[in-house]
Amino acid sequence: MKQAVSRERCVSVWTGDAEEETARWLLNVNSAITWWKILVPVLTIFGLMMASTYWGLMSAAPDTYKLSGMYTALPAAGEMKAGPRWLTRLNRNRVPWLAVLVMWVAGALFLLPLPAWQQMVNYTTSVTVLTYGLGPIALLVLRRNLPELRLPFRMTGTSVIASLAFICSNLVIYWTGFKTNSCLFSMVAIGCTPCTTM
């Protein structure tokens, strides 16, 4: 039966006073770092959950990543009858708390199988490039179906640029790997299924 190694036993491996003090200091620092590694994510999750109940706080945040529409997408779906009506329910601060809760649960469940931030970055890159990759296709289809459409700007070489953009976006998605793409396209299939059954 193995027993946990005590601090004194670890320290006794070292010889000399300076080494012993260094070993004690490292053990104490390691203990503090371990608690810090546990405390930071817990406090972050708690802080984000508390911040999500104040609509003005989230709206006042820097709009660097253009997430402003994320907080209103589910309630808007409920109002437009494209989603459940209960998603539009507001709390006393006029926050659609059920929609925020659904988004939080979906995000938490989505991030559970992902082992690291690298995987999340791969997924985010794939999703972003997938949405950007639809633009060149739409441009080519509109150019073919509406050739007489007058634009307020000039677009030269659209067939070449759009084709290259589509190829590049597919290469970026391909390079993120099979694991990321299988998760991505599973989520796309799940998301597209309700639209096709309506």
Protein backbone atom coordinates (compact mmCIF):
# COMPACT_ATOMS: atom_id res chain seq x y z
CA MET A 1 0.00 0.00 0.00
CA LYS A 2 1.52 3.31 -1.10
CA GLN A 3 1.39 6.22 1.27
CA ALA A 4 1.49 9.90 0.43
CA VAL A 5 4.99 11.34 0.60
CA SER A 6 5.30 13.90 3.38
CA ARG A 7 7.04 17.23 3.03
CA GLU A 8 9.71 16.27 5.54
CA ARG A 9 10.51 13.10 3.62
CA CYS A 10 10.87 15.10 0.37
CA VAL A 11 13.09 17.61 2.13
CA SER A 12 15.28 14.89 3.68
CA VAL A 13 16.40 13.87 0.20
CA TRP A 14 18.29 17.15 -0.05
CA THR A 15 21.51 17.54 1.87
CA GLY A 16 22.62 20.73 3.52
CA ASP A 17 20.73 23.64 5.05
CA ALA A 18 20.50 25.81 1.92
CA GLU A 19 19.10 22.99 -0.16
CA GLU A 20 16.67 22.07 2.60
CA GLU A 21 15.39 25.65 2.82
CA THR A 22 15.07 25.80 -0.96
CA ALA A 23 13.11 22.55 -1.00
CA ARG A 24 10.76 23.80 1.75
CA TRP A 25 10.25 27.05 -0.11
CA LEU A 26 9.48 25.20 -3.37
CA LEU A 27 6.97 22.93 -1.63
CA ASN A 28 5.19 25.94 -0.12
CA VAL A 29 5.15 27.78 -3.43
CA ASN A 30 3.86 24.69 -5.22
CA SER A 31 1.07 24.38 -2.68
CA ALA A 32 0.09 28.03 -3.18
CA ILE A 33 0.23 27.70 -6.97
CA THR A 34 -2.00 24.62 -6.84
CA TRP A 35 -4.64 26.49 -4.84
CA TRP A 36 -4.30 29.47 -7.16
CA LYS A 37 -4.87 27.21 -10.20
CA ILE A 38 -8.09 25.99 -8.62
CA LEU A 39 -9.25 29.37 -7.34
CA VAL A 40 -8.82 31.44 -10.53
CA PRO A 41 -11.17 29.40 -12.78
CA VAL A 42 -13.79 29.14 -10.03
CA LEU A 43 -13.71 32.89 -9.40
CA THR A 44 -13.76 33.59 -13.14
CA ILE A 45 -16.85 31.45 -13.68
CA PHE A 46 -18.55 32.97 -10.64
CA GLY A 47 -17.67 36.51 -11.77
CA LEU A 48 -18.94 35.91 -15.30
CA MET A 49 -22.18 34.44 -14.01
CA MET A 50 -22.70 37.45 -11.75
CA ALA A 51 -21.79 39.88 -14.53
CA SER A 52 -24.22 38.23 -16.94
CA THR A 53 -27.15 39.31 -14.77
CA TYR A 54 -26.42 43.00 -15.39
CA TRP A 55 -27.32 43.96 -18.93
CA GLY A 56 -25.57 47.34 -18.85
CA LEU A 57 -22.29 45.81 -17.69
CA MET A 58 -22.15 43.41 -20.60
CA SER A 59 -23.20 46.10 -23.09
CA ALA A 60 -20.52 48.47 -21.80
CA ALA A 61 -17.77 45.91 -22.36
CA PRO A 62 -15.42 46.62 -25.28
CA ASP A 63 -16.93 45.39 -28.50
CA THR A 64 -13.65 44.12 -29.87
CA TYR A 65 -14.89 40.70 -30.89
CA LYS A 66 -18.35 41.87 -31.98
CA LEU A 67 -20.25 39.77 -29.46
CA SER A 68 -22.95 42.38 -28.87
CA GLY A 69 -25.61 40.45 -30.78
CA MET A 70 -24.86 37.21 -28.95
CA TYR A 71 -26.82 38.25 -25.86
CA THR A 72 -29.97 39.04 -27.83
CA ALA A 73 -29.97 36.24 -30.42
CA LEU A 74 -31.96 33.69 -28.41
CA PRO A 75 -34.57 36.16 -27.05
CA ALA A 76 -35.01 37.50 -30.59
CA ALA A 77 -35.57 33.95 -31.82
CA GLY A 78 -38.30 33.58 -29.19
CA GLU A 79 -39.96 36.84 -30.22
CA MET A 80 -39.87 35.93 -33.92
CA LYS A 81 -41.38 32.50 -33.12
CA ALA A 82 -38.23 30.83 -34.45
CA GLY A 83 -37.50 29.47 -30.98
CA PRO A 84 -39.29 28.84 -27.69
CA ARG A 85 -41.27 31.81 -26.34
CA TRP A 86 -39.91 31.29 -22.79
CA LEU A 87 -36.50 32.53 -23.98
CA THR A 88 -37.91 36.08 -23.99
CA ARG A 89 -38.62 36.12 -20.24
CA LEU A 90 -36.79 39.00 -18.50
CA ASN A 91 -35.70 39.43 -14.88
CA ARG A 92 -36.11 42.66 -12.87
CA ASN A 93 -32.94 44.08 -14.51
CA ARG A 94 -34.50 43.45 -17.95
CA VAL A 95 -32.00 40.69 -18.74
CA PRO A 96 -33.26 37.65 -20.68
CA TRP A 97 -31.98 35.37 -17.95
CA LEU A 98 -33.31 32.11 -19.36
CA ALA A 99 -31.65 32.79 -22.71
CA VAL A 100 -28.38 33.65 -20.93
CA LEU A 101 -28.68 30.43 -18.91
CA VAL A 102 -29.31 28.36 -22.05
CA MET A 103 -26.30 29.96 -23.77
CA TRP A 104 -24.15 29.32 -20.69
CA VAL A 105 -25.21 25.65 -20.46
CA ALA A 106 -24.67 25.16 -24.20
CA GLY A 107 -21.24 26.78 -23.97
CA ALA A 108 -20.28 24.72 -20.92
CA LEU A 109 -21.43 21.47 -22.54
CA PHE A 110 -19.67 22.39 -25.73
CA LEU A 111 -16.37 23.08 -23.98
CA LEU A 112 -16.46 19.93 -21.81
CA PRO A 113 -15.03 17.56 -24.44
CA LEU A 114 -12.40 20.03 -25.60
CA PRO A 115 -9.17 19.26 -23.73
CA ALA A 116 -7.40 22.59 -24.12
CA TRP A 117 -7.56 26.15 -25.34
CA GLN A 118 -5.78 25.07 -28.51
CA GLN A 119 -8.72 22.89 -29.42
CA MET A 120 -11.11 25.76 -28.74
CA VAL A 121 -9.01 28.09 -30.88
CA ASN A 122 -9.05 25.50 -33.67
CA TYR A 123 -12.82 25.23 -33.43
CA THR A 124 -13.33 29.00 -33.36
CA THR A 125 -11.04 29.40 -36.36
CA SER A 126 -12.92 26.72 -38.28
CA VAL A 127 -16.31 28.26 -37.51
CA THR A 128 -15.12 31.74 -38.46
CA VAL A 129 -13.49 30.58 -41.68
CA LEU A 130 -16.56 28.46 -42.51
CA THR A 131 -18.78 31.53 -42.27
CA TYR A 132 -16.30 33.60 -44.28
CA GLY A 133 -16.06 30.81 -46.84
CA LEU A 134 -19.77 31.15 -47.61
CA GLY A 135 -19.26 34.74 -48.80
CA PRO A 136 -17.38 33.89 -52.01
CA ILE A 137 -20.02 31.29 -52.90
CA ALA A 138 -22.81 33.81 -52.35
CA LEU A 139 -20.94 36.38 -54.44
CA LEU A 140 -20.52 34.00 -57.37
CA VAL A 141 -24.16 32.89 -57.22
CA LEU A 142 -25.41 36.48 -57.09
CA ARG A 143 -23.13 37.44 -60.00
CA ARG A 144 -24.54 34.56 -62.05
CA ASN A 145 -28.21 35.08 -61.11
CA LEU A 146 -28.26 38.90 -61.08
CA PRO A 147 -25.70 40.06 -63.64
CA GLU A 148 -27.58 43.30 -64.34
CA LEU A 149 -27.57 44.39 -60.68
CA ARG A 150 -25.97 47.83 -60.36
CA LEU A 151 -23.50 48.20 -57.49
CA PRO A 152 -22.31 51.48 -55.94
CA PHE A 153 -18.72 50.24 -56.27
CA ARG A 154 -16.63 48.44 -58.85
CA MET A 155 -15.67 44.78 -58.41
CA THR A 156 -13.12 43.47 -60.85
CA GLY A 157 -11.84 39.92 -60.92
CA THR A 158 -14.60 38.59 -58.69
CA SER A 159 -14.58 35.09 -60.17
CA VAL A 160 -10.84 34.66 -59.55
CA ILE A 161 -10.75 36.33 -56.11
CA ALA A 162 -13.90 34.56 -54.89
CA SER A 163 -12.60 31.19 -56.06
CA LEU A 164 -9.23 31.72 -54.36
CA ALA A 165 -10.93 32.91 -51.16
CA PHE A 166 -13.12 29.80 -51.10
CA ILE A 167 -10.13 27.51 -51.67
CA CYS A 168 -8.12 29.25 -48.92
CA SER A 169 -10.97 29.03 -46.43
CA ASN A 170 -11.33 25.31 -47.13
CA LEU A 171 -7.60 24.81 -46.63
CA VAL A 172 -7.71 26.56 -43.25
CA ILE A 173 -10.61 24.33 -42.18
CA TYR A 174 -8.74 21.26 -43.45
CA TRP A 175 -5.59 22.20 -41.53
CA THR A 176 -7.40 22.41 -38.18
CA GLY A 177 -7.64 18.63 -38.20
CA PHE A 178 -10.17 15.82 -38.22
CA LYS A 179 -11.09 16.03 -34.55
CA THR A 180 -12.02 19.70 -34.78
CA ASN A 181 -13.82 19.30 -38.09
CA SER A 182 -15.85 16.30 -36.93
CA CYS A 183 -17.05 18.35 -33.95
CA LEU A 184 -17.68 21.40 -36.18
CA PHE A 185 -19.68 19.60 -38.84
CA SER A 186 -21.63 17.65 -36.21
CA MET A 187 -22.69 20.96 -34.68
CA VAL A 188 -23.55 22.34 -38.14
CA ALA A 189 -25.65 19.24 -38.88
CA ILE A 190 -27.45 19.53 -35.54
CA GLY A 191 -28.05 23.22 -36.14
CA CYS A 192 -29.34 22.67 -39.68
CA THR A 193 -31.68 19.81 -38.76
CA PRO A 194 -34.37 21.96 -37.03
CA CYS A 195 -34.34 24.38 -39.98
CA THR A 196 -35.01 21.62 -42.50
CA THR A 197 -37.85 20.07 -40.45
CA MET A 198 -39.80 23.32 -40.03
